[in-house]
Amino acid sequence: HVSSADYVKGLVQKNTARLQNFKELSRDEITLGEGEEDSLLIAFEGKEEEGASAKVFFQTAFVDEKDAFVVTAAVLKKESERYEAVLRDSLASFSL
């Protein structure tokens, strides 16, 4: 089966195509939940459509034998520094 980290790498490609002005900000190795699965936490910015406000997204995924669970948080770019730590902690604590 595809690893959670590899699944996240695939999501990056989809986000690159989906968002305008896509820019990857960081890529960190994390362990989801209570040591359940190694994954990646990606931070990136972009706009969902022309004229929209830029957002910063934080995204990770957990893959088991048959399903993939994608966890995403987004915040307006101008507010991202204020919320980054709590959003990263929230995503990294994801477990099933």
C-alpha atoms as a PDB file:
ATOM      1  CA  HIS A   1       0.000   0.000   0.000  1.00  0.00           C
ATOM      2  CA  VAL A   2       1.029   3.616  -0.437  1.00  0.00           C
ATOM      3  CA  SER A   3       2.654   5.180   2.612  1.00  0.00           C
ATOM      4  CA  SER A   4       1.091   8.239   4.211  1.00  0.00           C
ATOM      5  CA  ALA A   5       4.171  10.313   3.330  1.00  0.00           C
ATOM      6  CA  ASP A   6       3.978   9.280  -0.339  1.00  0.00           C
ATOM      7  CA  TYR A   7       0.268  10.079  -0.391  1.00  0.00           C
ATOM      8  CA  VAL A   8       1.010  13.602   0.873  1.00  0.00           C
ATOM      9  CA  LYS A   9       3.607  14.036  -1.879  1.00  0.00           C
ATOM     10  CA  GLY A  10       0.849  13.257  -4.383  1.00  0.00           C
ATOM     11  CA  LEU A  11      -1.393  15.844  -2.754  1.00  0.00           C
ATOM     12  CA  VAL A  12       1.285  18.469  -3.343  1.00  0.00           C
ATOM     13  CA  GLN A  13       1.051  17.803  -7.075  1.00  0.00           C
ATOM     14  CA  LYS A  14      -2.749  18.171  -6.983  1.00  0.00           C
ATOM     15  CA  ASN A  15      -2.519  21.409  -4.999  1.00  0.00           C
ATOM     16  CA  THR A  16       0.048  22.801  -7.423  1.00  0.00           C
ATOM     17  CA  ALA A  17      -2.445  22.336 -10.253  1.00  0.00           C
ATOM     18  CA  ARG A  18      -5.495  23.470  -8.239  1.00  0.00           C
ATOM     19  CA  LEU A  19      -4.242  26.696  -6.657  1.00  0.00           C
ATOM     20  CA  GLN A  20      -3.111  29.914  -8.247  1.00  0.00           C
ATOM     21  CA  ASN A  21       0.273  31.237  -7.114  1.00  0.00           C
ATOM     22  CA  PHE A  22       1.057  27.946  -5.358  1.00  0.00           C
ATOM     23  CA  LYS A  23       4.161  28.097  -3.182  1.00  0.00           C
ATOM     24  CA  GLU A  24       5.347  25.344  -0.864  1.00  0.00           C
ATOM     25  CA  LEU A  25       6.437  26.849   2.456  1.00  0.00           C
ATOM     26  CA  SER A  26       7.634  23.812   4.393  1.00  0.00           C
ATOM     27  CA  ARG A  27       7.690  20.018   4.437  1.00  0.00           C
ATOM     28  CA  ASP A  28       8.146  18.333   7.812  1.00  0.00           C
ATOM     29  CA  GLU A  29       8.249  14.675   8.776  1.00  0.00           C
ATOM     30  CA  ILE A  30       5.749  13.944  11.533  1.00  0.00           C
ATOM     31  CA  THR A  31       4.294  10.979  13.372  1.00  0.00           C
ATOM     32  CA  LEU A  32       0.516  11.109  13.472  1.00  0.00           C
ATOM     33  CA  GLY A  33      -1.505  10.414  16.577  1.00  0.00           C
ATOM     34  CA  GLU A  34       0.230   8.342  19.188  1.00  0.00           C
ATOM     35  CA  GLY A  35       2.971   6.904  17.001  1.00  0.00           C
ATOM     36  CA  GLU A  36       0.480   5.412  14.558  1.00  0.00           C
ATOM     37  CA  GLU A  37       2.001   6.427  11.240  1.00  0.00           C
ATOM     38  CA  ASP A  38       4.870   8.455   9.816  1.00  0.00           C
ATOM     39  CA  SER A  39       3.669  11.125   7.428  1.00  0.00           C
ATOM     40  CA  LEU A  40       4.494  14.590   6.133  1.00  0.00           C
ATOM     41  CA  LEU A  41       3.029  17.913   7.146  1.00  0.00           C
ATOM     42  CA  ILE A  42       3.095  20.301   4.224  1.00  0.00           C
ATOM     43  CA  ALA A  43       2.547  24.045   4.501  1.00  0.00           C
ATOM     44  CA  PHE A  44       1.791  25.935   1.299  1.00  0.00           C
ATOM     45  CA  GLU A  45       0.105  29.087   0.116  1.00  0.00           C
ATOM     46  CA  GLY A  46      -2.067  29.960  -2.824  1.00  0.00           C
ATOM     47  CA  LYS A  47      -5.368  31.335  -4.040  1.00  0.00           C
ATOM     48  CA  GLU A  48      -8.365  29.183  -4.854  1.00  0.00           C
ATOM     49  CA  GLU A  49      -9.489  31.538  -7.621  1.00  0.00           C
ATOM     50  CA  GLU A  50      -8.632  34.852  -9.249  1.00  0.00           C
ATOM     51  CA  GLY A  51      -9.404  37.750  -6.914  1.00  0.00           C
ATOM     52  CA  ALA A  52      -9.553  35.536  -3.819  1.00  0.00           C
ATOM     53  CA  SER A  53      -7.463  36.294  -0.764  1.00  0.00           C
ATOM     54  CA  ALA A  54      -4.260  34.298  -0.417  1.00  0.00           C
ATOM     55  CA  LYS A  55      -4.430  31.495   2.148  1.00  0.00           C
ATOM     56  CA  VAL A  56      -1.867  29.375   3.914  1.00  0.00           C
ATOM     57  CA  PHE A  57      -2.761  25.688   4.041  1.00  0.00           C
ATOM     58  CA  PHE A  58      -1.430  22.960   6.313  1.00  0.00           C
ATOM     59  CA  GLN A  59      -2.052  19.420   5.123  1.00  0.00           C
ATOM     60  CA  THR A  60      -1.255  15.865   6.106  1.00  0.00           C
ATOM     61  CA  ALA A  61      -2.708  12.421   5.444  1.00  0.00           C
ATOM     62  CA  PHE A  62      -3.078   9.042   7.084  1.00  0.00           C
ATOM     63  CA  VAL A  63      -3.336   5.956   4.881  1.00  0.00           C
ATOM     64  CA  ASP A  64      -4.428   2.562   6.118  1.00  0.00           C
ATOM     65  CA  GLU A  65      -4.937  -0.642   4.134  1.00  0.00           C
ATOM     66  CA  LYS A  66      -7.889   0.665   2.110  1.00  0.00           C
ATOM     67  CA  ASP A  67      -8.596   4.328   2.880  1.00  0.00           C
ATOM     68  CA  ALA A  68      -6.811   7.664   2.902  1.00  0.00           C
ATOM     69  CA  PHE A  69      -7.739  10.381   5.382  1.00  0.00           C
ATOM     70  CA  VAL A  70      -6.631  13.877   4.398  1.00  0.00           C
ATOM     71  CA  VAL A  71      -6.550  16.540   7.100  1.00  0.00           C
ATOM     72  CA  THR A  72      -6.315  20.164   5.982  1.00  0.00           C
ATOM     73  CA  ALA A  73      -6.374  23.477   7.808  1.00  0.00           C
ATOM     74  CA  ALA A  74      -6.410  26.857   6.090  1.00  0.00           C
ATOM     75  CA  VAL A  75      -6.067  30.416   7.267  1.00  0.00           C
ATOM     76  CA  LEU A  76      -5.843  33.767   5.516  1.00  0.00           C
ATOM     77  CA  LYS A  77      -2.215  34.502   4.729  1.00  0.00           C
ATOM     78  CA  LYS A  78      -2.287  37.726   6.741  1.00  0.00           C
ATOM     79  CA  GLU A  79      -3.373  35.716   9.835  1.00  0.00           C
ATOM     80  CA  SER A  80      -1.073  32.717   9.328  1.00  0.00           C
ATOM     81  CA  GLU A  81       1.639  33.639  11.838  1.00  0.00           C
ATOM     82  CA  ARG A  82      -0.974  34.015  14.557  1.00  0.00           C
ATOM     83  CA  TYR A  83      -2.449  30.534  14.024  1.00  0.00           C
ATOM     84  CA  GLU A  84       0.412  28.464  12.576  1.00  0.00           C
ATOM     85  CA  ALA A  85       1.529  26.733  15.784  1.00  0.00           C
ATOM     86  CA  VAL A  86      -1.958  25.671  16.856  1.00  0.00           C
ATOM     87  CA  LEU A  87      -2.849  24.445  13.376  1.00  0.00           C
ATOM     88  CA  ARG A  88       0.364  22.410  13.079  1.00  0.00           C
ATOM     89  CA  ASP A  89      -0.255  20.859  16.510  1.00  0.00           C
ATOM     90  CA  SER A  90      -3.857  20.057  15.624  1.00  0.00           C
ATOM     91  CA  LEU A  91      -2.931  18.273  12.407  1.00  0.00           C
ATOM     92  CA  ALA A  92      -0.040  16.363  13.977  1.00  0.00           C
ATOM     93  CA  SER A  93      -2.324  15.043  16.726  1.00  0.00           C
ATOM     94  CA  PHE A  94      -4.746  13.474  14.224  1.00  0.00           C
ATOM     95  CA  SER A  95      -5.528   9.843  14.910  1.00  0.00           C
ATOM     96  CA  LEU A  96      -8.245   7.350  14.060  1.00  0.00           C
END
